[in-house]
Amino acid sequence: MKFRVLRAGVIVCALFLSVQAQATEATKPATGKPTEVLPSQLTKTAAAHAKADAAIARAEAGDLFENVTDSETPAVRHRASGMVCQAGDDGELSLEIYPGDPRGDDVSCGSSMLGAVITTYATRYGKGFTARDALEGSIDAIRQRFDDVKPYEHDAIEMSKEGLPQPLTARFEAAINGQKVFTRTSAVEVGEWIVAQRVTAPYDKATAADLVAEVGLAMTLTSMIPGADAAN
């Protein structure tokens, strides 16, 4: 994955994440033998699996989502689009099924990470509806929901990965209940699906939220595009 800072200044955070991932990979055993799984890890994975089951049950979405948890992080997959949703740093995950026919063509998953609230949508609108249309609709919704909406004109992060389409993104500063916030919206076309992401965080966490959003969206797209995880 490649990170690019729009304007300047916060590349250290992105590089830290990239280097950390590479370091983790480098410390894996090179023997080819399976890594020993401790009982405590099995217990945590089982707990995460139960949380993912609970998220599916709350949304009454067993026909639309399957539990794909294989670690300490709850994870589910939207069967129709292939979108994988993971819980945030609090271990929680929420699913929404929006009215429409056929059922399951408009869904979202929500989580939080480093103080940012993240909602990711997968919607099959039909022929002629584009990522630009989705982005403009989301921007309209931001202007309706928040006060004092202005373009975010400070450091911003953009990430690219070979094999993934480049999303359209708009960033804003705004206020809600008198509190200043950072909010951003992205949209991208993946086959017949539009993937959209909304992220909102306290204004002093704007940089972390921007990075979390970029990485999270890349992970979502990777889950939906066969072979994307093998691209460098």
C-alpha atoms as a PDB file:
ATOM      1  CA  MET A   1       0.000   0.000   0.000  1.00  0.00           C
ATOM      2  CA  LYS A   2       1.166   3.500  -0.785  1.00  0.00           C
ATOM      3  CA  PHE A   3       0.278   6.587   1.231  1.00  0.00           C
ATOM      4  CA  ARG A   4       0.284  10.119  -0.116  1.00  0.00           C
ATOM      5  CA  VAL A   5      -0.186  13.203   2.049  1.00  0.00           C
ATOM      6  CA  LEU A   6      -2.296  15.876   0.422  1.00  0.00           C
ATOM      7  CA  ARG A   7      -0.601  19.222   1.156  1.00  0.00           C
ATOM      8  CA  ALA A   8       1.967  18.011   3.768  1.00  0.00           C
ATOM      9  CA  GLY A   9       2.874  16.984   7.226  1.00  0.00           C
ATOM     10  CA  VAL A  10       1.432  13.707   8.527  1.00  0.00           C
ATOM     11  CA  ILE A  11       3.278  11.080   6.552  1.00  0.00           C
ATOM     12  CA  VAL A  12       4.985   9.855   9.752  1.00  0.00           C
ATOM     13  CA  CYS A  13       1.703   8.385  10.997  1.00  0.00           C
ATOM     14  CA  ALA A  14       1.087   6.562   7.733  1.00  0.00           C
ATOM     15  CA  LEU A  15       4.643   5.308   7.531  1.00  0.00           C
ATOM     16  CA  PHE A  16       4.404   4.044  11.098  1.00  0.00           C
ATOM     17  CA  LEU A  17       1.373   1.961  10.192  1.00  0.00           C
ATOM     18  CA  SER A  18       3.078   0.581   7.080  1.00  0.00           C
ATOM     19  CA  VAL A  19       6.328  -0.201   8.875  1.00  0.00           C
ATOM     20  CA  GLN A  20       4.441  -1.771  11.770  1.00  0.00           C
ATOM     21  CA  ALA A  21       2.599  -4.104   9.373  1.00  0.00           C
ATOM     22  CA  GLN A  22       5.855  -5.051   7.651  1.00  0.00           C
ATOM     23  CA  ALA A  23       7.525  -5.686  11.009  1.00  0.00           C
ATOM     24  CA  THR A  24       4.689  -7.953  12.095  1.00  0.00           C
ATOM     25  CA  GLU A  25       4.993  -9.914   8.852  1.00  0.00           C
ATOM     26  CA  ALA A  26       8.752 -10.165   9.263  1.00  0.00           C
ATOM     27  CA  THR A  27       8.460 -11.643  12.753  1.00  0.00           C
ATOM     28  CA  LYS A  28       6.298 -14.573  11.639  1.00  0.00           C
ATOM     29  CA  PRO A  29       8.071 -17.942  11.751  1.00  0.00           C
ATOM     30  CA  ALA A  30       9.790 -18.787   8.462  1.00  0.00           C
ATOM     31  CA  THR A  31       9.687 -22.537   9.023  1.00  0.00           C
ATOM     32  CA  GLY A  32       6.350 -23.051   7.310  1.00  0.00           C
ATOM     33  CA  LYS A  33       5.086 -24.859  10.415  1.00  0.00           C
ATOM     34  CA  PRO A  34       1.750 -23.765  11.900  1.00  0.00           C
ATOM     35  CA  THR A  35       2.037 -21.141  14.630  1.00  0.00           C
ATOM     36  CA  GLU A  36       0.988 -22.490  18.018  1.00  0.00           C
ATOM     37  CA  VAL A  37      -2.398 -21.151  19.114  1.00  0.00           C
ATOM     38  CA  LEU A  38      -2.659 -20.630  22.862  1.00  0.00           C
ATOM     39  CA  PRO A  39      -5.851 -21.472  24.784  1.00  0.00           C
ATOM     40  CA  SER A  40      -6.282 -17.787  25.676  1.00  0.00           C
ATOM     41  CA  GLN A  41      -6.257 -16.899  21.975  1.00  0.00           C
ATOM     42  CA  LEU A  42      -8.884 -19.536  21.266  1.00  0.00           C
ATOM     43  CA  THR A  43     -11.049 -18.089  24.035  1.00  0.00           C
ATOM     44  CA  LYS A  44     -10.738 -14.555  22.643  1.00  0.00           C
ATOM     45  CA  THR A  45     -11.513 -15.754  19.129  1.00  0.00           C
ATOM     46  CA  ALA A  46     -14.571 -17.607  20.407  1.00  0.00           C
ATOM     47  CA  ALA A  47     -15.736 -14.449  22.191  1.00  0.00           C
ATOM     48  CA  ALA A  48     -15.256 -12.413  19.014  1.00  0.00           C
ATOM     49  CA  HIS A  49     -17.164 -15.038  17.028  1.00  0.00           C
ATOM     50  CA  ALA A  50     -20.042 -14.756  19.510  1.00  0.00           C
ATOM     51  CA  LYS A  51     -20.084 -10.958  19.149  1.00  0.00           C
ATOM     52  CA  ALA A  52     -20.290 -11.272  15.368  1.00  0.00           C
ATOM     53  CA  ASP A  53     -23.176 -13.735  15.740  1.00  0.00           C
ATOM     54  CA  ALA A  54     -24.904 -11.250  18.047  1.00  0.00           C
ATOM     55  CA  ALA A  55     -24.500  -8.404  15.541  1.00  0.00           C
ATOM     56  CA  ILE A  56     -26.106 -10.531  12.818  1.00  0.00           C
ATOM     57  CA  ALA A  57     -28.930 -11.563  15.168  1.00  0.00           C
ATOM     58  CA  ARG A  58     -29.669  -7.979  16.256  1.00  0.00           C
ATOM     59  CA  ALA A  59     -30.098  -6.963  12.622  1.00  0.00           C
ATOM     60  CA  GLU A  60     -32.098 -10.125  11.829  1.00  0.00           C
ATOM     61  CA  ALA A  61     -29.684 -10.522   8.936  1.00  0.00           C
ATOM     62  CA  GLY A  62     -28.717 -14.180   8.983  1.00  0.00           C
ATOM     63  CA  ASP A  63     -29.883 -14.498   5.389  1.00  0.00           C
ATOM     64  CA  LEU A  64     -27.657 -11.617   4.286  1.00  0.00           C
ATOM     65  CA  PHE A  65     -24.494 -11.818   6.412  1.00  0.00           C
ATOM     66  CA  GLU A  66     -22.234 -14.685   7.459  1.00  0.00           C
ATOM     67  CA  ASN A  67     -19.837 -14.825  10.373  1.00  0.00           C
ATOM     68  CA  VAL A  68     -16.229 -14.902   9.106  1.00  0.00           C
ATOM     69  CA  THR A  69     -14.448 -14.228  12.410  1.00  0.00           C
ATOM     70  CA  ASP A  70     -11.045 -15.938  12.542  1.00  0.00           C
ATOM     71  CA  SER A  71      -9.235 -13.760  15.079  1.00  0.00           C
ATOM     72  CA  GLU A  72      -9.912 -11.637  18.148  1.00  0.00           C
ATOM     73  CA  THR A  73     -11.810  -9.128  15.971  1.00  0.00           C
ATOM     74  CA  PRO A  74     -15.485  -9.838  15.164  1.00  0.00           C
ATOM     75  CA  ALA A  75     -16.018  -9.926  11.387  1.00  0.00           C
ATOM     76  CA  VAL A  76     -18.964 -10.615   9.084  1.00  0.00           C
ATOM     77  CA  ARG A  77     -19.362 -10.806   5.314  1.00  0.00           C
ATOM     78  CA  HIS A  78     -22.242  -9.443   3.269  1.00  0.00           C
ATOM     79  CA  ARG A  79     -23.064 -12.447   1.113  1.00  0.00           C
ATOM     80  CA  ALA A  80     -24.248 -10.568  -1.982  1.00  0.00           C
ATOM     81  CA  SER A  81     -21.423  -8.019  -2.347  1.00  0.00           C
ATOM     82  CA  GLY A  82     -18.598  -9.820  -0.547  1.00  0.00           C
ATOM     83  CA  MET A  83     -18.012  -6.800   1.705  1.00  0.00           C
ATOM     84  CA  VAL A  84     -16.355  -7.811   4.980  1.00  0.00           C
ATOM     85  CA  CYS A  85     -17.116  -5.674   8.038  1.00  0.00           C
ATOM     86  CA  GLN A  86     -14.907  -5.758  11.118  1.00  0.00           C
ATOM     87  CA  ALA A  87     -15.528  -4.455  14.622  1.00  0.00           C
ATOM     88  CA  GLY A  88     -13.646  -1.425  15.863  1.00  0.00           C
ATOM     89  CA  ASP A  89     -11.261  -1.070  18.767  1.00  0.00           C
ATOM     90  CA  ASP A  90     -14.133  -1.484  21.239  1.00  0.00           C
ATOM     91  CA  GLY A  91     -15.009  -4.873  19.735  1.00  0.00           C
ATOM     92  CA  GLU A  92     -18.470  -3.702  18.684  1.00  0.00           C
ATOM     93  CA  LEU A  93     -20.110  -3.969  15.267  1.00  0.00           C
ATOM     94  CA  SER A  94     -23.558  -2.862  14.086  1.00  0.00           C
ATOM     95  CA  LEU A  95     -25.409  -3.852  10.909  1.00  0.00           C
ATOM     96  CA  GLU A  96     -28.278  -2.102   9.143  1.00  0.00           C
ATOM     97  CA  ILE A  97     -30.588  -3.394   6.430  1.00  0.00           C
ATOM     98  CA  TYR A  98     -32.398  -0.612   4.558  1.00  0.00           C
ATOM     99  CA  PRO A  99     -35.839  -1.004   2.964  1.00  0.00           C
ATOM    100  CA  GLY A 100     -35.828  -1.987  -0.688  1.00  0.00           C
ATOM    101  CA  ASP A 101     -36.353  -4.793  -3.125  1.00  0.00           C
ATOM    102  CA  PRO A 102     -34.583  -7.100  -3.301  1.00  0.00           C
ATOM    103  CA  ARG A 103     -33.777  -7.211   0.394  1.00  0.00           C
ATOM    104  CA  GLY A 104     -30.066  -6.882   1.029  1.00  0.00           C
ATOM    105  CA  ASP A 105     -29.234  -4.582  -1.871  1.00  0.00           C
ATOM    106  CA  ASP A 106     -28.726  -1.678   0.547  1.00  0.00           C
ATOM    107  CA  VAL A 107     -26.850  -2.426   3.772  1.00  0.00           C
ATOM    108  CA  SER A 108     -24.300  -0.851   6.073  1.00  0.00           C
ATOM    109  CA  CYS A 109     -22.002  -1.732   8.929  1.00  0.00           C
ATOM    110  CA  GLY A 110     -20.861   0.570  11.708  1.00  0.00           C
ATOM    111  CA  SER A 111     -17.912   0.594  14.082  1.00  0.00           C
ATOM    112  CA  SER A 112     -15.560   2.997  15.845  1.00  0.00           C
ATOM    113  CA  MET A 113     -11.781   3.303  15.835  1.00  0.00           C
ATOM    114  CA  LEU A 114      -9.510   5.790  17.605  1.00  0.00           C
ATOM    115  CA  GLY A 115     -12.484   8.019  18.375  1.00  0.00           C
ATOM    116  CA  ALA A 116     -13.853   7.991  14.825  1.00  0.00           C
ATOM    117  CA  VAL A 117     -17.354   6.705  14.062  1.00  0.00           C
ATOM    118  CA  ILE A 118     -17.284   4.755  10.788  1.00  0.00           C
ATOM    119  CA  THR A 119     -20.212   3.641   8.644  1.00  0.00           C
ATOM    120  CA  THR A 120     -19.630   1.709   5.430  1.00  0.00           C
ATOM    121  CA  TYR A 121     -22.420   1.088   2.922  1.00  0.00           C
ATOM    122  CA  ALA A 122     -22.800  -1.401   0.088  1.00  0.00           C
ATOM    123  CA  THR A 123     -25.659  -0.524  -2.263  1.00  0.00           C
ATOM    124  CA  ARG A 124     -26.768  -1.869  -5.615  1.00  0.00           C
ATOM    125  CA  TYR A 125     -28.536   1.142  -7.113  1.00  0.00           C
ATOM    126  CA  GLY A 126     -28.874  -0.119 -10.656  1.00  0.00           C
ATOM    127  CA  LYS A 127     -27.551   0.974 -14.015  1.00  0.00           C
ATOM    128  CA  GLY A 128     -26.639   4.626 -14.447  1.00  0.00           C
ATOM    129  CA  PHE A 129     -26.005   5.505 -10.789  1.00  0.00           C
ATOM    130  CA  THR A 130     -22.350   6.402 -10.195  1.00  0.00           C
ATOM    131  CA  ALA A 131     -19.947   6.945  -7.328  1.00  0.00           C
ATOM    132  CA  ARG A 132     -20.127  10.670  -8.092  1.00  0.00           C
ATOM    133  CA  ASP A 133     -23.902  10.553  -7.595  1.00  0.00           C
ATOM    134  CA  ALA A 134     -23.437   8.773  -4.262  1.00  0.00           C
ATOM    135  CA  LEU A 135     -20.783  11.255  -3.134  1.00  0.00           C
ATOM    136  CA  GLU A 136     -22.922  14.271  -3.980  1.00  0.00           C
ATOM    137  CA  GLY A 137     -25.883  12.753  -2.151  1.00  0.00           C
ATOM    138  CA  SER A 138     -23.722  12.159   0.910  1.00  0.00           C
ATOM    139  CA  ILE A 139     -22.386  15.715   0.828  1.00  0.00           C
ATOM    140  CA  ASP A 140     -25.979  16.994   0.769  1.00  0.00           C
ATOM    141  CA  ALA A 141     -26.727  14.825   3.806  1.00  0.00           C
ATOM    142  CA  ILE A 142     -23.688  16.234   5.643  1.00  0.00           C
ATOM    143  CA  ARG A 143     -24.872  19.796   4.993  1.00  0.00           C
ATOM    144  CA  GLN A 144     -28.314  18.912   6.327  1.00  0.00           C
ATOM    145  CA  ARG A 145     -27.082  17.117   9.433  1.00  0.00           C
ATOM    146  CA  PHE A 146     -24.221  19.371  10.561  1.00  0.00           C
ATOM    147  CA  ASP A 147     -23.848  23.096  11.213  1.00  0.00           C
ATOM    148  CA  ASP A 148     -21.130  25.413   9.885  1.00  0.00           C
ATOM    149  CA  VAL A 149     -19.982  22.962   7.226  1.00  0.00           C
ATOM    150  CA  LYS A 150     -16.758  24.081   5.498  1.00  0.00           C
ATOM    151  CA  PRO A 151     -14.167  22.314   3.352  1.00  0.00           C
ATOM    152  CA  TYR A 152     -11.376  20.756   5.400  1.00  0.00           C
ATOM    153  CA  GLU A 153      -8.262  22.570   4.232  1.00  0.00           C
ATOM    154  CA  HIS A 154      -5.545  21.024   6.378  1.00  0.00           C
ATOM    155  CA  ASP A 155      -3.349  17.951   6.021  1.00  0.00           C
ATOM    156  CA  ALA A 156      -5.143  14.966   4.558  1.00  0.00           C
ATOM    157  CA  ILE A 157      -4.100  11.426   3.698  1.00  0.00           C
ATOM    158  CA  GLU A 158      -4.736   9.545   0.494  1.00  0.00           C
ATOM    159  CA  MET A 159      -3.864   5.878   0.137  1.00  0.00           C
ATOM    160  CA  SER A 160      -3.557   3.797  -3.008  1.00  0.00           C
ATOM    161  CA  LYS A 161      -3.068   0.088  -3.571  1.00  0.00           C
ATOM    162  CA  GLU A 162      -2.483  -1.728  -6.820  1.00  0.00           C
ATOM    163  CA  GLY A 163      -5.588  -3.575  -7.908  1.00  0.00           C
ATOM    164  CA  LEU A 164      -8.029  -1.319  -6.060  1.00  0.00           C
ATOM    165  CA  PRO A 165     -10.177   1.439  -7.598  1.00  0.00           C
ATOM    166  CA  GLN A 166      -9.518   4.949  -6.290  1.00  0.00           C
ATOM    167  CA  PRO A 167     -12.461   6.308  -4.276  1.00  0.00           C
ATOM    168  CA  LEU A 168     -13.837   9.832  -4.561  1.00  0.00           C
ATOM    169  CA  THR A 169     -13.506  11.620  -1.203  1.00  0.00           C
ATOM    170  CA  ALA A 170     -14.651  14.929   0.263  1.00  0.00           C
ATOM    171  CA  ARG A 171     -13.512  16.209   3.674  1.00  0.00           C
ATOM    172  CA  PHE A 172     -15.161  18.835   5.870  1.00  0.00           C
ATOM    173  CA  GLU A 173     -15.000  20.555   9.198  1.00  0.00           C
ATOM    174  CA  ALA A 174     -18.355  21.147  10.832  1.00  0.00           C
ATOM    175  CA  ALA A 175     -20.187  21.373  14.141  1.00  0.00           C
ATOM    176  CA  ILE A 176     -22.760  19.171  15.841  1.00  0.00           C
ATOM    177  CA  ASN A 177     -24.406  20.184  19.113  1.00  0.00           C
ATOM    178  CA  GLY A 178     -21.884  22.999  19.333  1.00  0.00           C
ATOM    179  CA  GLN A 179     -18.857  20.691  19.064  1.00  0.00           C
ATOM    180  CA  LYS A 180     -16.413  21.046  16.180  1.00  0.00           C
ATOM    181  CA  VAL A 181     -15.891  17.827  14.222  1.00  0.00           C
ATOM    182  CA  PHE A 182     -14.041  16.415  11.235  1.00  0.00           C
ATOM    183  CA  THR A 183     -16.181  14.474   8.799  1.00  0.00           C
ATOM    184  CA  ARG A 184     -15.469  12.863   5.453  1.00  0.00           C
ATOM    185  CA  THR A 185     -17.347  10.894   2.863  1.00  0.00           C
ATOM    186  CA  SER A 186     -16.107   8.546   0.142  1.00  0.00           C
ATOM    187  CA  ALA A 187     -17.693   6.576  -2.676  1.00  0.00           C
ATOM    188  CA  VAL A 188     -16.357   4.053  -5.168  1.00  0.00           C
ATOM    189  CA  GLU A 189     -17.795   1.641  -7.708  1.00  0.00           C
ATOM    190  CA  VAL A 190     -17.049  -2.076  -7.324  1.00  0.00           C
ATOM    191  CA  GLY A 191     -18.775  -3.971 -10.109  1.00  0.00           C
ATOM    192  CA  GLU A 192     -22.516  -3.371  -9.747  1.00  0.00           C
ATOM    193  CA  TRP A 193     -22.108  -2.119  -6.185  1.00  0.00           C
ATOM    194  CA  ILE A 194     -21.468   1.368  -4.843  1.00  0.00           C
ATOM    195  CA  VAL A 195     -19.382   1.315  -1.679  1.00  0.00           C
ATOM    196  CA  ALA A 196     -19.729   4.476   0.399  1.00  0.00           C
ATOM    197  CA  GLN A 197     -18.057   5.387   3.670  1.00  0.00           C
ATOM    198  CA  ARG A 198     -18.871   8.083   6.228  1.00  0.00           C
ATOM    199  CA  VAL A 199     -16.439   8.909   9.033  1.00  0.00           C
ATOM    200  CA  THR A 200     -16.869  11.508  11.785  1.00  0.00           C
ATOM    201  CA  ALA A 201     -14.543  12.300  14.677  1.00  0.00           C
ATOM    202  CA  PRO A 202     -13.743  15.093  17.137  1.00  0.00           C
ATOM    203  CA  TYR A 203     -11.828  17.794  15.302  1.00  0.00           C
ATOM    204  CA  ASP A 204      -8.640  17.212  17.305  1.00  0.00           C
ATOM    205  CA  LYS A 205      -8.611  13.620  16.018  1.00  0.00           C
ATOM    206  CA  ALA A 206      -8.965  14.585  12.353  1.00  0.00           C
ATOM    207  CA  THR A 207      -5.609  13.175  11.245  1.00  0.00           C
ATOM    208  CA  ALA A 208      -6.139   9.821  12.972  1.00  0.00           C
ATOM    209  CA  ALA A 209      -9.692   9.632  11.597  1.00  0.00           C
ATOM    210  CA  ASP A 210      -8.500  10.350   8.070  1.00  0.00           C
ATOM    211  CA  LEU A 211      -5.906   7.584   8.284  1.00  0.00           C
ATOM    212  CA  VAL A 212      -8.352   5.106   9.819  1.00  0.00           C
ATOM    213  CA  ALA A 213     -10.830   5.892   7.053  1.00  0.00           C
ATOM    214  CA  GLU A 214      -8.292   5.339   4.271  1.00  0.00           C
ATOM    215  CA  VAL A 215      -7.038   2.046   5.686  1.00  0.00           C
ATOM    216  CA  GLY A 216     -10.541   0.825   6.504  1.00  0.00           C
ATOM    217  CA  LEU A 217     -11.867   1.585   3.045  1.00  0.00           C
ATOM    218  CA  ALA A 218      -8.903  -0.165   1.425  1.00  0.00           C
ATOM    219  CA  MET A 219      -9.572  -3.239   3.565  1.00  0.00           C
ATOM    220  CA  THR A 220     -13.233  -3.179   2.550  1.00  0.00           C
ATOM    221  CA  LEU A 221     -12.385  -2.982  -1.149  1.00  0.00           C
ATOM    222  CA  THR A 222      -9.792  -5.738  -0.802  1.00  0.00           C
ATOM    223  CA  SER A 223     -12.454  -8.003   0.682  1.00  0.00           C
ATOM    224  CA  MET A 224     -14.704  -7.420  -2.340  1.00  0.00           C
ATOM    225  CA  ILE A 225     -12.195  -7.730  -5.180  1.00  0.00           C
ATOM    226  CA  PRO A 226     -10.738 -11.203  -5.859  1.00  0.00           C
ATOM    227  CA  GLY A 227      -6.953 -11.182  -5.901  1.00  0.00           C
ATOM    228  CA  ALA A 228      -6.619  -7.638  -4.536  1.00  0.00           C
ATOM    229  CA  ASP A 229      -4.987  -8.897  -1.328  1.00  0.00           C
ATOM    230  CA  ALA A 230      -2.152 -10.366  -3.395  1.00  0.00           C
ATOM    231  CA  ALA A 231      -1.343  -7.079  -5.146  1.00  0.00           C
ATOM    232  CA  ASN A 232       1.700  -5.119  -4.007  1.00  0.00           C
END
